[in-house]
PDB file of N, CA and C in Angstrom:
ATOM      1  N   MET A   1      68.403  56.378-133.220  1.00  0.00           N
ATOM      2  CA  MET A   1      67.455  56.976-132.218  1.00  0.00           C
ATOM      3  C   MET A   1      67.808  56.244-130.799  1.00  0.00           C
ATOM      4  N   LYS A   2      67.667  57.099-129.744  1.00  0.00           N
ATOM      5  CA  LYS A   2      67.873  56.729-128.459  1.00  0.00           C
ATOM      6  C   LYS A   2      66.752  55.787-127.922  1.00  0.00           C
ATOM      7  N   ILE A   3      66.903  54.692-127.305  1.00  0.00           N
ATOM      8  CA  ILE A   3      65.949  53.880-126.716  1.00  0.00           C
ATOM      9  C   ILE A   3      65.796  54.311-125.235  1.00  0.00           C
ATOM     10  N   GLY A   4      64.596  54.442-124.788  1.00  0.00           N
ATOM     11  CA  GLY A   4      64.084  55.002-123.583  1.00  0.00           C
ATOM     12  C   GLY A   4      64.813  54.307-122.259  1.00  0.00           C
ATOM     13  N   LYS A   5      65.071  54.975-121.139  1.00  0.00           N
ATOM     14  CA  LYS A   5      65.570  54.434-119.909  1.00  0.00           C
ATOM     15  C   LYS A   5      64.667  53.351-119.362  1.00  0.00           C
ATOM     16  N   VAL A   6      63.506  53.155-119.664  1.00  0.00           N
ATOM     17  CA  VAL A   6      62.668  52.190-119.195  1.00  0.00           C
ATOM     18  C   VAL A   6      63.147  50.743-119.530  1.00  0.00           C
ATOM     19  N   TYR A   7      63.510  50.769-120.743  1.00  0.00           N
ATOM     20  CA  TYR A   7      63.990  49.511-121.269  1.00  0.00           C
ATOM     21  C   TYR A   7      65.452  49.074-120.689  1.00  0.00           C
ATOM     22  N   GLU A   8      66.258  50.153-120.400  1.00  0.00           N
ATOM     23  CA  GLU A   8      67.567  49.895-119.571  1.00  0.00           C
ATOM     24  C   GLU A   8      67.158  49.043-118.229  1.00  0.00           C
ATOM     25  N   ASP A   9      66.078  49.770-117.762  1.00  0.00           N
ATOM     26  CA  ASP A   9      65.800  49.012-116.330  1.00  0.00           C
ATOM     27  C   ASP A   9      65.240  47.752-116.372  1.00  0.00           C
ATOM     28  N   LYS A  10      64.710  47.340-117.472  1.00  0.00           N
ATOM     29  CA  LYS A  10      64.067  46.068-117.736  1.00  0.00           C
ATOM     30  C   LYS A  10      65.072  45.088-118.148  1.00  0.00           C
ATOM     31  N   ALA A  11      66.058  45.494-118.967  1.00  0.00           N
ATOM     32  CA  ALA A  11      67.038  44.495-119.607  1.00  0.00           C
ATOM     33  C   ALA A  11      68.006  43.768-118.687  1.00  0.00           C
ATOM     34  N   SER A  12      68.176  42.524-119.017  1.00  0.00           N
ATOM     35  CA  SER A  12      68.905  41.609-118.149  1.00  0.00           C
ATOM     36  C   SER A  12      69.400  40.661-119.207  1.00  0.00           C
ATOM     37  N   VAL A  13      70.440  40.132-118.888  1.00  0.00           N
ATOM     38  CA  VAL A  13      70.824  38.744-119.779  1.00  0.00           C
ATOM     39  C   VAL A  13      70.967  37.484-118.931  1.00  0.00           C
ATOM     40  N   PRO A  14      70.730  36.382-119.539  1.00  0.00           N
ATOM     41  CA  PRO A  14      70.894  35.198-118.830  1.00  0.00           C
ATOM     42  C   PRO A  14      72.303  34.915-118.255  1.00  0.00           C
ATOM     43  N   ARG A  15      72.578  34.135-117.297  1.00  0.00           N
ATOM     44  CA  ARG A  15      73.684  34.055-116.493  1.00  0.00           C
ATOM     45  C   ARG A  15      74.850  33.260-117.414  1.00  0.00           C
ATOM     46  N   GLU A  16      74.255  32.465-118.372  1.00  0.00           N
ATOM     47  CA  GLU A  16      75.075  31.736-119.307  1.00  0.00           C
ATOM     48  C   GLU A  16      75.917  32.947-120.305  1.00  0.00           C
ATOM     49  N   CYS A  17      75.213  34.095-120.572  1.00  0.00           N
ATOM     50  CA  CYS A  17      75.762  35.002-121.485  1.00  0.00           C
ATOM     51  C   CYS A  17      76.647  35.739-120.690  1.00  0.00           C
ATOM     52  N   ARG A  18      76.593  35.991-119.383  1.00  0.00           N
ATOM     53  CA  ARG A  18      77.529  36.848-118.639  1.00  0.00           C
ATOM     54  C   ARG A  18      78.740  35.954-118.365  1.00  0.00           C
ATOM     55  N   SER A  19      78.639  34.567-118.194  1.00  0.00           N
ATOM     56  CA  SER A  19      79.840  33.597-117.675  1.00  0.00           C
ATOM     57  C   SER A  19      80.435  33.198-118.984  1.00  0.00           C
ATOM     58  N   SER A  20      80.082  33.492-120.156  1.00  0.00           N
ATOM     59  CA  SER A  20      80.542  32.939-121.318  1.00  0.00           C
ATOM     60  C   SER A  20      82.025  33.365-121.587  1.00  0.00           C
ATOM     61  N   PRO A  21      82.825  32.419-122.143  1.00  0.00           N
ATOM     62  CA  PRO A  21      84.277  32.796-122.268  1.00  0.00           C
ATOM     63  C   PRO A  21      84.654  34.037-123.394  1.00  0.00           C
ATOM     64  N   ASP A  22      83.641  33.982-124.242  1.00  0.00           N
ATOM     65  CA  ASP A  22      83.815  35.078-125.547  1.00  0.00           C
ATOM     66  C   ASP A  22      82.431  35.463-125.998  1.00  0.00           C
ATOM     67  N   LEU A  23      82.482  36.507-126.913  1.00  0.00           N
ATOM     68  CA  LEU A  23      81.190  37.170-127.333  1.00  0.00           C
ATOM     69  C   LEU A  23      80.465  36.025-128.311  1.00  0.00           C
ATOM     70  N   ARG A  24      80.920  35.316-129.162  1.00  0.00           N
ATOM     71  CA  ARG A  24      80.208  34.510-129.929  1.00  0.00           C
ATOM     72  C   ARG A  24      79.516  33.442-128.953  1.00  0.00           C
ATOM     73  N   THR A  25      80.173  32.818-127.971  1.00  0.00           N
ATOM     74  CA  THR A  25      79.532  31.868-127.194  1.00  0.00           C
ATOM     75  C   THR A  25      78.302  32.719-126.289  1.00  0.00           C
ATOM     76  N   SER A  26      78.570  33.801-125.862  1.00  0.00           N
ATOM     77  CA  SER A  26      77.551  34.574-125.281  1.00  0.00           C
ATOM     78  C   SER A  26      76.307  34.781-125.863  1.00  0.00           C
ATOM     79  N   LEU A  27      76.600  35.014-127.415  1.00  0.00           N
ATOM     80  CA  LEU A  27      75.520  35.301-128.200  1.00  0.00           C
ATOM     81  C   LEU A  27      74.714  34.177-128.562  1.00  0.00           C
ATOM     82  N   ARG A  28      75.193  32.982-128.664  1.00  0.00           N
ATOM     83  CA  ARG A  28      74.504  31.552-128.850  1.00  0.00           C
ATOM     84  C   ARG A  28      73.840  31.519-127.657  1.00  0.00           C
ATOM     85  N   ALA A  29      74.366  31.666-126.427  1.00  0.00           N
ATOM     86  CA  ALA A  29      73.573  31.369-125.161  1.00  0.00           C
ATOM     87  C   ALA A  29      72.422  32.354-125.187  1.00  0.00           C
ATOM     88  N   TYR A  30      72.518  33.619-125.488  1.00  0.00           N
ATOM     89  CA  TYR A  30      71.436  34.696-125.581  1.00  0.00           C
ATOM     90  C   TYR A  30      70.434  34.238-126.548  1.00  0.00           C
ATOM     91  N   THR A  31      70.741  33.694-127.806  1.00  0.00           N
ATOM     92  CA  THR A  31      69.851  33.297-128.684  1.00  0.00           C
ATOM     93  C   THR A  31      68.933  32.137-128.108  1.00  0.00           C
ATOM     94  N   ALA A  32      69.591  31.141-127.633  1.00  0.00           N
ATOM     95  CA  ALA A  32      68.801  30.071-126.950  1.00  0.00           C
ATOM     96  C   ALA A  32      68.137  30.368-125.644  1.00  0.00           C
ATOM     97  N   ARG A  33      68.723  30.976-124.962  1.00  0.00           N
ATOM     98  CA  ARG A  33      67.926  30.909-123.531  1.00  0.00           C
ATOM     99  C   ARG A  33      67.113  32.236-123.304  1.00  0.00           C
ATOM    100  N   ARG A  34      67.509  33.247-124.279  1.00  0.00           N
ATOM    101  CA  ARG A  34      66.464  34.465-124.129  1.00  0.00           C
ATOM    102  C   ARG A  34      65.544  34.568-125.561  1.00  0.00           C
ATOM    103  N   LEU A  35      66.149  34.742-126.586  1.00  0.00           N
ATOM    104  CA  LEU A  35      65.242  35.057-127.808  1.00  0.00           C
ATOM    105  C   LEU A  35      64.436  33.754-128.174  1.00  0.00           C
ATOM    106  N   LEU A  36      64.840  32.655-128.164  1.00  0.00           N
ATOM    107  CA  LEU A  36      63.884  31.410-128.564  1.00  0.00           C
ATOM    108  C   LEU A  36      62.968  31.304-127.493  1.00  0.00           C
ATOM    109  N   ALA A  37      63.509  31.254-126.139  1.00  0.00           N
ATOM    110  CA  ALA A  37      62.668  31.058-125.093  1.00  0.00           C
ATOM    111  C   ALA A  37      61.477  31.879-125.081  1.00  0.00           C
ATOM    112  N   VAL A  38      61.686  33.187-125.236  1.00  0.00           N
ATOM    113  CA  VAL A  38      60.560  34.076-125.295  1.00  0.00           C
ATOM    114  C   VAL A  38      59.629  33.835-126.598  1.00  0.00           C
ATOM    115  N   ALA A  39      60.272  33.653-127.659  1.00  0.00           N
ATOM    116  CA  ALA A  39      59.519  33.278-128.899  1.00  0.00           C
ATOM    117  C   ALA A  39      58.583  32.121-128.723  1.00  0.00           C
ATOM    118  N   ASP A  40      59.206  30.967-128.171  1.00  0.00           N
ATOM    119  CA  ASP A  40      58.336  29.741-127.868  1.00  0.00           C
ATOM    120  C   ASP A  40      57.388  30.119-126.827  1.00  0.00           C
ATOM    121  N   ALA A  41      57.412  30.794-125.852  1.00  0.00           N
ATOM    122  CA  ALA A  41      56.371  31.154-124.841  1.00  0.00           C
ATOM    123  C   ALA A  41      55.263  31.995-125.470  1.00  0.00           C
ATOM    124  N   CYS A  42      55.673  33.052-126.244  1.00  0.00           N
ATOM    125  CA  CYS A  42      54.715  33.856-126.607  1.00  0.00           C
ATOM    126  C   CYS A  42      54.011  33.372-127.963  1.00  0.00           C
ATOM    127  N   LEU A  43      54.554  32.490-128.668  1.00  0.00           N
ATOM    128  CA  LEU A  43      53.717  32.003-129.850  1.00  0.00           C
ATOM    129  C   LEU A  43      52.738  30.812-129.508  1.00  0.00           C
ATOM    130  N   THR A  44      52.809  30.448-128.173  1.00  0.00           N
ATOM    131  CA  THR A  44      51.804  29.690-127.727  1.00  0.00           C
ATOM    132  C   THR A  44      50.399  30.161-127.517  1.00  0.00           C
ATOM    133  N   CYS A  45      50.501  31.431-127.231  1.00  0.00           N
ATOM    134  CA  CYS A  45      49.336  32.103-126.987  1.00  0.00           C
ATOM    135  C   CYS A  45      48.447  32.726-128.354  1.00  0.00           C
ATOM    136  N   ASP A  46      47.596  31.849-128.485  1.00  0.00           N
ATOM    137  CA  ASP A  46      46.821  32.297-129.779  1.00  0.00           C
ATOM    138  C   ASP A  46      45.798  33.527-129.477  1.00  0.00           C
ATOM    139  N   THR A  47      45.442  33.879-128.412  1.00  0.00           N
ATOM    140  CA  THR A  47      44.607  34.855-128.173  1.00  0.00           C
ATOM    141  C   THR A  47      44.880  36.282-128.029  1.00  0.00           C
ATOM    142  N   ASP A  48      46.348  36.425-127.646  1.00  0.00           N
ATOM    143  CA  ASP A  48      46.804  37.621-127.448  1.00  0.00           C
ATOM    144  C   ASP A  48      47.749  38.217-128.743  1.00  0.00           C
ATOM    145  N   ASN A  49      47.191  39.116-129.457  1.00  0.00           N
ATOM    146  CA  ASN A  49      47.914  39.668-130.569  1.00  0.00           C
ATOM    147  C   ASN A  49      49.354  40.216-130.266  1.00  0.00           C
ATOM    148  N   TYR A  50      49.341  40.866-129.120  1.00  0.00           N
ATOM    149  CA  TYR A  50      50.425  41.470-128.827  1.00  0.00           C
ATOM    150  C   TYR A  50      51.640  40.476-128.534  1.00  0.00           C
ATOM    151  N   ARG A  51      51.333  39.462-127.772  1.00  0.00           N
ATOM    152  CA  ARG A  51      52.319  38.387-127.487  1.00  0.00           C
ATOM    153  C   ARG A  51      52.707  37.661-128.730  1.00  0.00           C
ATOM    154  N   LYS A  52      51.861  37.375-129.572  1.00  0.00           N
ATOM    155  CA  LYS A  52      52.143  36.650-130.732  1.00  0.00           C
ATOM    156  C   LYS A  52      53.018  37.315-131.627  1.00  0.00           C
ATOM    157  N   GLU A  53      52.743  38.665-131.900  1.00  0.00           N
ATOM    158  CA  GLU A  53      53.763  39.555-132.580  1.00  0.00           C
ATOM    159  C   GLU A  53      55.112  39.683-132.035  1.00  0.00           C
ATOM    160  N   TYR A  54      55.116  39.872-130.590  1.00  0.00           N
ATOM    161  CA  TYR A  54      56.262  40.048-129.803  1.00  0.00           C
ATOM    162  C   TYR A  54      57.088  38.660-129.861  1.00  0.00           C
ATOM    163  N   GLY A  55      56.518  37.398-130.165  1.00  0.00           N
ATOM    164  CA  GLY A  55      57.294  36.253-130.161  1.00  0.00           C
ATOM    165  C   GLY A  55      57.699  36.135-131.696  1.00  0.00           C
ATOM    166  N   PHE A  56      57.085  36.592-132.555  1.00  0.00           N
ATOM    167  CA  PHE A  56      57.497  36.525-133.927  1.00  0.00           C
ATOM    168  C   PHE A  56      58.740  37.354-134.268  1.00  0.00           C
ATOM    169  N   ILE A  57      58.721  38.535-133.614  1.00  0.00           N
ATOM    170  CA  ILE A  57      59.971  39.436-133.749  1.00  0.00           C
ATOM    171  C   ILE A  57      61.187  38.909-132.967  1.00  0.00           C
ATOM    172  N   HIS A  58      60.913  38.303-131.794  1.00  0.00           N
ATOM    173  CA  HIS A  58      61.982  37.633-130.973  1.00  0.00           C
ATOM    174  C   HIS A  58      62.602  36.458-131.923  1.00  0.00           C
ATOM    175  N   ARG A  59      61.869  35.510-132.613  1.00  0.00           N
ATOM    176  CA  ARG A  59      62.270  34.591-133.412  1.00  0.00           C
ATOM    177  C   ARG A  59      63.037  35.135-134.522  1.00  0.00           C
ATOM    178  N   ARG A  60      62.525  36.236-135.395  1.00  0.00           N
ATOM    179  CA  ARG A  60      63.417  36.888-136.390  1.00  0.00           C
ATOM    180  C   ARG A  60      64.615  37.309-135.903  1.00  0.00           C
ATOM    181  N   TYR A  61      64.686  37.899-134.730  1.00  0.00           N
ATOM    182  CA  TYR A  61      65.993  38.373-134.253  1.00  0.00           C
ATOM    183  C   TYR A  61      66.933  37.125-133.769  1.00  0.00           C
ATOM    184  N   ALA A  62      66.353  35.981-133.390  1.00  0.00           N
ATOM    185  CA  ALA A  62      67.042  34.869-133.164  1.00  0.00           C
ATOM    186  C   ALA A  62      67.733  34.265-134.457  1.00  0.00           C
ATOM    187  N   HIS A  63      66.847  34.392-135.587  1.00  0.00           N
ATOM    188  CA  HIS A  63      67.530  33.775-136.772  1.00  0.00           C
ATOM    189  C   HIS A  63      68.721  34.700-137.246  1.00  0.00           C
ATOM    190  N   VAL A  64      68.390  35.945-137.100  1.00  0.00           N
ATOM    191  CA  VAL A  64      69.501  36.910-137.647  1.00  0.00           C
ATOM    192  C   VAL A  64      70.899  36.615-136.738  1.00  0.00           C
ATOM    193  N   LEU A  65      70.606  36.451-135.511  1.00  0.00           N
ATOM    194  CA  LEU A  65      71.795  36.325-134.497  1.00  0.00           C
ATOM    195  C   LEU A  65      72.369  34.983-134.703  1.00  0.00           C
ATOM    196  N   THR A  66      71.599  34.040-135.063  1.00  0.00           N
ATOM    197  CA  THR A  66      72.160  32.791-135.259  1.00  0.00           C
ATOM    198  C   THR A  66      73.091  32.890-136.630  1.00  0.00           C
ATOM    199  N   LEU A  67      72.508  33.456-137.585  1.00  0.00           N
ATOM    200  CA  LEU A  67      73.510  33.700-138.719  1.00  0.00           C
ATOM    201  C   LEU A  67      74.727  34.349-138.435  1.00  0.00           C
ATOM    202  N   ILE A  68      74.530  35.445-137.551  1.00  0.00           N
ATOM    203  CA  ILE A  68      75.886  36.155-137.231  1.00  0.00           C
ATOM    204  C   ILE A  68      76.853  35.213-136.428  1.00  0.00           C
ATOM    205  N   THR A  69      76.301  34.520-135.567  1.00  0.00           N
ATOM    206  CA  THR A  69      77.236  33.745-134.622  1.00  0.00           C
ATOM    207  C   THR A  69      77.775  32.352-135.539  1.00  0.00           C
ATOM    208  N   GLU A  70      77.093  31.926-136.537  1.00  0.00           N
ATOM    209  CA  GLU A  70      77.527  30.749-137.184  1.00  0.00           C
ATOM    210  C   GLU A  70      78.271  31.017-138.566  1.00  0.00           C
ATOM    211  N   ALA A  71      78.054  32.181-139.169  1.00  0.00           N
ATOM    212  CA  ALA A  71      78.598  32.388-140.379  1.00  0.00           C
ATOM    213  C   ALA A  71      79.513  33.653-140.769  1.00  0.00           C
ATOM    214  N   VAL A  72      79.539  34.423-139.682  1.00  0.00           N
ATOM    215  CA  VAL A  72      80.312  35.680-139.860  1.00  0.00           C
ATOM    216  C   VAL A  72      81.486  35.572-139.078  1.00  0.00           C
ATOM    217  N   GLN A  73      82.585  36.038-139.697  1.00  0.00           N
ATOM    218  CA  GLN A  73      83.978  36.141-139.001  1.00  0.00           C
ATOM    219  C   GLN A  73      83.857  37.310-137.928  1.00  0.00           C
ATOM    220  N   ASP A  74      83.550  38.536-138.157  1.00  0.00           N
ATOM    221  CA  ASP A  74      83.543  39.635-137.195  1.00  0.00           C
ATOM    222  C   ASP A  74      82.187  39.760-136.135  1.00  0.00           C
ATOM    223  N   VAL A  75      82.094  38.948-135.526  1.00  0.00           N
ATOM    224  CA  VAL A  75      80.885  38.773-134.725  1.00  0.00           C
ATOM    225  C   VAL A  75      80.579  40.240-133.990  1.00  0.00           C
ATOM    226  N   ASP A  76      81.572  40.930-133.505  1.00  0.00           N
ATOM    227  CA  ASP A  76      81.289  42.088-132.878  1.00  0.00           C
ATOM    228  C   ASP A  76      80.896  43.096-133.776  1.00  0.00           C
ATOM    229  N   TYR A  77      81.430  43.412-134.826  1.00  0.00           N
ATOM    230  CA  TYR A  77      80.858  44.411-135.918  1.00  0.00           C
ATOM    231  C   TYR A  77      79.491  44.080-136.247  1.00  0.00           C
ATOM    232  N   MET A  78      79.152  42.808-136.764  1.00  0.00           N
ATOM    233  CA  MET A  78      77.707  42.531-137.151  1.00  0.00           C
ATOM    234  C   MET A  78      76.620  42.551-135.961  1.00  0.00           C
ATOM    235  N   THR A  79      77.192  42.228-134.846  1.00  0.00           N
ATOM    236  CA  THR A  79      76.258  42.575-133.830  1.00  0.00           C
ATOM    237  C   THR A  79      75.851  43.822-133.418  1.00  0.00           C
ATOM    238  N   LYS A  80      76.863  44.775-133.532  1.00  0.00           N
ATOM    239  CA  LYS A  80      76.656  46.142-133.436  1.00  0.00           C
ATOM    240  C   LYS A  80      75.691  46.687-134.603  1.00  0.00           C
ATOM    241  N   SER A  81      75.911  46.190-135.764  1.00  0.00           N
ATOM    242  CA  SER A  81      75.138  46.533-136.925  1.00  0.00           C
ATOM    243  C   SER A  81      73.610  46.033-136.641  1.00  0.00           C
ATOM    244  N   LEU A  82      73.529  44.914-136.025  1.00  0.00           N
ATOM    245  CA  LEU A  82      72.148  44.362-135.591  1.00  0.00           C
ATOM    246  C   LEU A  82      71.644  45.288-134.681  1.00  0.00           C
ATOM    247  N   ILE A  83      72.312  45.809-133.721  1.00  0.00           N
ATOM    248  CA  ILE A  83      71.777  46.669-132.631  1.00  0.00           C
ATOM    249  C   ILE A  83      71.007  47.978-133.381  1.00  0.00           C
ATOM    250  N   ILE A  84      72.080  48.443-134.360  1.00  0.00           N
ATOM    251  CA  ILE A  84      71.546  49.552-135.037  1.00  0.00           C
ATOM    252  C   ILE A  84      70.270  49.369-135.796  1.00  0.00           C
ATOM    253  N   TRP A  85      70.016  48.236-136.447  1.00  0.00           N
ATOM    254  CA  TRP A  85      68.958  47.751-137.122  1.00  0.00           C
ATOM    255  C   TRP A  85      67.692  47.700-136.262  1.00  0.00           C
ATOM    256  N   MET A  86      68.122  47.287-135.005  1.00  0.00           N
ATOM    257  CA  MET A  86      67.079  47.153-134.037  1.00  0.00           C
ATOM    258  C   MET A  86      66.584  48.498-133.541  1.00  0.00           C
ATOM    259  N   GLN A  87      67.484  49.366-133.354  1.00  0.00           N
ATOM    260  CA  GLN A  87      67.124  50.772-132.908  1.00  0.00           C
ATOM    261  C   GLN A  87      66.269  51.506-134.032  1.00  0.00           C
ATOM    262  N   GLU A  88      66.594  51.037-135.335  1.00  0.00           N
ATOM    263  CA  GLU A  88      65.693  51.614-136.513  1.00  0.00           C
ATOM    264  C   GLU A  88      64.362  51.077-136.353  1.00  0.00           C
ATOM    265  N   ASP A  89      64.305  49.691-136.070  1.00  0.00           N
ATOM    266  CA  ASP A  89      63.024  49.007-135.920  1.00  0.00           C
ATOM    267  C   ASP A  89      62.151  49.844-134.699  1.00  0.00           C
ATOM    268  N   TYR A  90      62.737  50.269-133.732  1.00  0.00           N
ATOM    269  CA  TYR A  90      62.135  50.789-132.660  1.00  0.00           C
ATOM    270  C   TYR A  90      61.796  52.175-133.084  1.00  0.00           C
ATOM    271  N   GLY A  91      62.563  52.860-133.842  1.00  0.00           N
ATOM    272  CA  GLY A  91      62.009  54.288-134.267  1.00  0.00           C
ATOM    273  C   GLY A  91      60.996  53.969-135.450  1.00  0.00           C
ATOM    274  N   ASN A  92      60.909  52.980-136.171  1.00  0.00           N
ATOM    275  CA  ASN A  92      59.740  52.882-137.118  1.00  0.00           C
ATOM    276  C   ASN A  92      58.680  51.889-136.741  1.00  0.00           C
ATOM    277  N   ALA A  93      58.533  51.619-135.403  1.00  0.00           N
ATOM    278  CA  ALA A  93      57.515  50.564-135.042  1.00  0.00           C
ATOM    279  C   ALA A  93      56.022  51.090-135.230  1.00  0.00           C
ATOM    280  N   MET A  94      55.350  50.344-135.698  1.00  0.00           N
ATOM    281  CA  MET A  94      53.887  50.774-135.732  1.00  0.00           C
ATOM    282  C   MET A  94      52.996  50.195-134.814  1.00  0.00           C
ATOM    283  N   THR A  95      53.703  49.151-134.072  1.00  0.00           N
ATOM    284  CA  THR A  95      52.737  48.672-132.875  1.00  0.00           C
ATOM    285  C   THR A  95      53.703  48.635-131.645  1.00  0.00           C
ATOM    286  N   SER A  96      52.981  48.490-130.535  1.00  0.00           N
ATOM    287  CA  SER A  96      53.787  48.467-129.153  1.00  0.00           C
ATOM    288  C   SER A  96      54.580  47.149-128.977  1.00  0.00           C
ATOM    289  N   ALA A  97      54.207  46.121-129.582  1.00  0.00           N
ATOM    290  CA  ALA A  97      54.925  44.851-129.726  1.00  0.00           C
ATOM    291  C   ALA A  97      56.259  45.109-130.340  1.00  0.00           C
ATOM    292  N   GLN A  98      56.064  45.604-131.494  1.00  0.00           N
ATOM    293  CA  GLN A  98      57.320  45.918-132.365  1.00  0.00           C
ATOM    294  C   GLN A  98      58.341  46.813-131.525  1.00  0.00           C
ATOM    295  N   LYS A  99      57.779  47.915-131.012  1.00  0.00           N
ATOM    296  CA  LYS A  99      58.653  48.805-130.313  1.00  0.00           C
ATOM    297  C   LYS A  99      59.263  48.149-129.086  1.00  0.00           C
ATOM    298  N   ASP A 100      58.538  47.511-128.223  1.00  0.00           N
ATOM    299  CA  ASP A 100      59.025  46.660-127.072  1.00  0.00           C
ATOM    300  C   ASP A 100      60.129  45.696-127.333  1.00  0.00           C
ATOM    301  N   ALA A 101      59.769  44.875-128.237  1.00  0.00           N
ATOM    302  CA  ALA A 101      60.690  43.809-128.831  1.00  0.00           C
ATOM    303  C   ALA A 101      61.984  44.309-129.178  1.00  0.00           C
ATOM    304  N   ALA A 102      62.103  45.370-130.073  1.00  0.00           N
ATOM    305  CA  ALA A 102      63.046  45.912-130.644  1.00  0.00           C
ATOM    306  C   ALA A 102      63.919  46.691-129.606  1.00  0.00           C
ATOM    307  N   ALA A 103      63.358  47.500-128.759  1.00  0.00           N
ATOM    308  CA  ALA A 103      64.069  48.214-127.765  1.00  0.00           C
ATOM    309  C   ALA A 103      64.686  47.231-126.588  1.00  0.00           C
ATOM    310  N   LEU A 104      63.984  46.318-126.155  1.00  0.00           N
ATOM    311  CA  LEU A 104      64.468  45.223-125.049  1.00  0.00           C
ATOM    312  C   LEU A 104      65.686  44.459-125.764  1.00  0.00           C
ATOM    313  N   CYS A 105      65.592  43.772-126.773  1.00  0.00           N
ATOM    314  CA  CYS A 105      66.573  43.050-127.469  1.00  0.00           C
ATOM    315  C   CYS A 105      67.884  43.896-127.873  1.00  0.00           C
ATOM    316  N   ALA A 106      67.501  45.186-128.348  1.00  0.00           N
ATOM    317  CA  ALA A 106      68.740  46.019-128.451  1.00  0.00           C
ATOM    318  C   ALA A 106      69.363  46.325-127.286  1.00  0.00           C
ATOM    319  N   THR A 107      68.837  46.587-126.334  1.00  0.00           N
ATOM    320  CA  THR A 107      69.502  46.855-125.023  1.00  0.00           C
ATOM    321  C   THR A 107      70.098  45.902-124.338  1.00  0.00           C
ATOM    322  N   GLU A 108      69.455  44.688-124.433  1.00  0.00           N
ATOM    323  CA  GLU A 108      70.166  43.315-123.848  1.00  0.00           C
ATOM    324  C   GLU A 108      71.528  43.009-124.744  1.00  0.00           C
ATOM    325  N   LEU A 109      71.318  43.203-126.107  1.00  0.00           N
ATOM    326  CA  LEU A 109      72.684  42.938-126.988  1.00  0.00           C
ATOM    327  C   LEU A 109      73.677  44.085-126.491  1.00  0.00           C
ATOM    328  N   LEU A 110      73.240  45.267-126.252  1.00  0.00           N
ATOM    329  CA  LEU A 110      74.207  46.272-125.785  1.00  0.00           C
ATOM    330  C   LEU A 110      74.929  45.805-124.366  1.00  0.00           C
ATOM    331  N   LEU A 111      74.272  45.213-123.457  1.00  0.00           N
ATOM    332  CA  LEU A 111      74.826  44.765-122.265  1.00  0.00           C
ATOM    333  C   LEU A 111      75.857  43.685-122.563  1.00  0.00           C
ATOM    334  N   ILE A 112      75.512  42.750-123.438  1.00  0.00           N
ATOM    335  CA  ILE A 112      76.442  41.741-123.953  1.00  0.00           C
ATOM    336  C   ILE A 112      77.793  42.412-124.546  1.00  0.00           C
ATOM    337  N   ILE A 113      77.584  43.211-125.484  1.00  0.00           N
ATOM    338  CA  ILE A 113      78.663  43.831-126.243  1.00  0.00           C
ATOM    339  C   ILE A 113      79.383  44.576-125.064  1.00  0.00           C
ATOM    340  N   GLU A 114      78.956  45.343-124.428  1.00  0.00           N
ATOM    341  CA  GLU A 114      79.711  46.055-123.328  1.00  0.00           C
ATOM    342  C   GLU A 114      80.503  45.287-122.469  1.00  0.00           C
ATOM    343  N   LYS A 115      80.064  44.045-122.073  1.00  0.00           N
ATOM    344  CA  LYS A 115      80.816  43.090-121.159  1.00  0.00           C
ATOM    345  C   LYS A 115      82.056  42.697-121.981  1.00  0.00           C
ATOM    346  N   PHE A 116      82.026  42.344-122.956  1.00  0.00           N
ATOM    347  CA  PHE A 116      83.123  41.755-123.934  1.00  0.00           C
ATOM    348  C   PHE A 116      83.760  42.737-124.343  1.00  0.00           C
ATOM    349  N   ASN A 117      83.405  43.865-124.847  1.00  0.00           N
ATOM    350  CA  ASN A 117      84.309  44.997-125.192  1.00  0.00           C
ATOM    351  C   ASN A 117      85.170  45.444-124.173  1.00  0.00           C
ATOM    352  N   ASP A 118      84.680  45.604-122.976  1.00  0.00           N
ATOM    353  CA  ASP A 118      85.448  45.963-121.821  1.00  0.00           C
ATOM    354  C   ASP A 118      86.466  44.958-121.527  1.00  0.00           C
ATOM    355  N   ALA A 119      86.096  43.631-121.581  1.00  0.00           N
ATOM    356  CA  ALA A 119      87.085  42.656-121.366  1.00  0.00           C
ATOM    357  C   ALA A 119      88.338  42.599-122.251  1.00  0.00           C
ATOM    358  N   GLU A 120      87.969  42.884-123.678  1.00  0.00           N
ATOM    359  CA  GLU A 120      88.969  42.990-124.676  1.00  0.00           C
ATOM    360  C   GLU A 120      89.783  44.108-124.481  1.00  0.00           C
ATOM    361  N   TYR A 121      89.231  45.275-124.005  1.00  0.00           N
ATOM    362  CA  TYR A 121      90.036  46.412-123.635  1.00  0.00           C
ATOM    363  C   TYR A 121      90.957  46.035-122.548  1.00  0.00           C
ATOM    364  N   LEU A 122      90.593  45.445-121.464  1.00  0.00           N
ATOM    365  CA  LEU A 122      91.535  45.123-120.418  1.00  0.00           C
ATOM    366  C   LEU A 122      92.708  44.232-120.931  1.00  0.00           C
ATOM    367  N   ASN A 123      92.441  43.246-121.781  1.00  0.00           N
ATOM    368  CA  ASN A 123      93.298  42.402-122.160  1.00  0.00           C
ATOM    369  C   ASN A 123      94.438  43.063-123.028  1.00  0.00           C
ATOM    370  N   GLU A 124      94.015  44.015-123.918  1.00  0.00           N
ATOM    371  CA  GLU A 124      94.823  44.826-124.651  1.00  0.00           C
ATOM    372  C   GLU A 124      95.780  45.570-123.755  1.00  0.00           C
ATOM    373  N   ARG A 125      95.267  46.150-122.722  1.00  0.00           N
ATOM    374  CA  ARG A 125      96.041  46.968-121.825  1.00  0.00           C
ATOM    375  C   ARG A 125      96.989  46.187-121.150  1.00  0.00           C
ATOM    376  N   LYS A 126      96.622  44.835-120.749  1.00  0.00           N
ATOM    377  CA  LYS A 126      97.649  44.053-119.953  1.00  0.00           C
ATOM    378  C   LYS A 126      98.728  43.675-120.882  1.00  0.00           C
ATOM    379  N   GLN A 127      98.530  43.546-122.199  1.00  0.00           N
ATOM    380  CA  GLN A 127      99.691  43.057-123.108  1.00  0.00           C
ATOM    381  C   GLN A 127     100.610  44.177-123.473  1.00  0.00           C
ATOM    382  N   GLN A 128     100.217  45.413-123.152  1.00  0.00           N
ATOM    383  CA  GLN A 128     101.087  46.616-123.451  1.00  0.00           C
ATOM    384  C   GLN A 128     102.102  46.868-122.613  1.00  0.00           C
TER     385      GLN A 128
END
């Protein structure tokens, strides 16, 4: 399922992700600087159900991404799989918090993946 352009306009990744030397390090920075930071901020708000659910979803994605970066050999492949799962979450969302969290996180992960896939492609071309 295609995620709307509005999320592409909102998506950005922390500086630490963009300046990381490799994908695994970038994803670790994204988990700490974005996913867990958003979860922590949202989960402190007891009166706003949207923010509370949005925070829980970010925390769940952070747990999955931590598992990927710490226990998986092929980080690129599993991150792409996670993006597909997020896109499915977006398509099956029952609340706006579920839809917004899935769309924004998937879009931000795509930005990270694209950065490192382009770098890998350029390195392969230089070696040939």
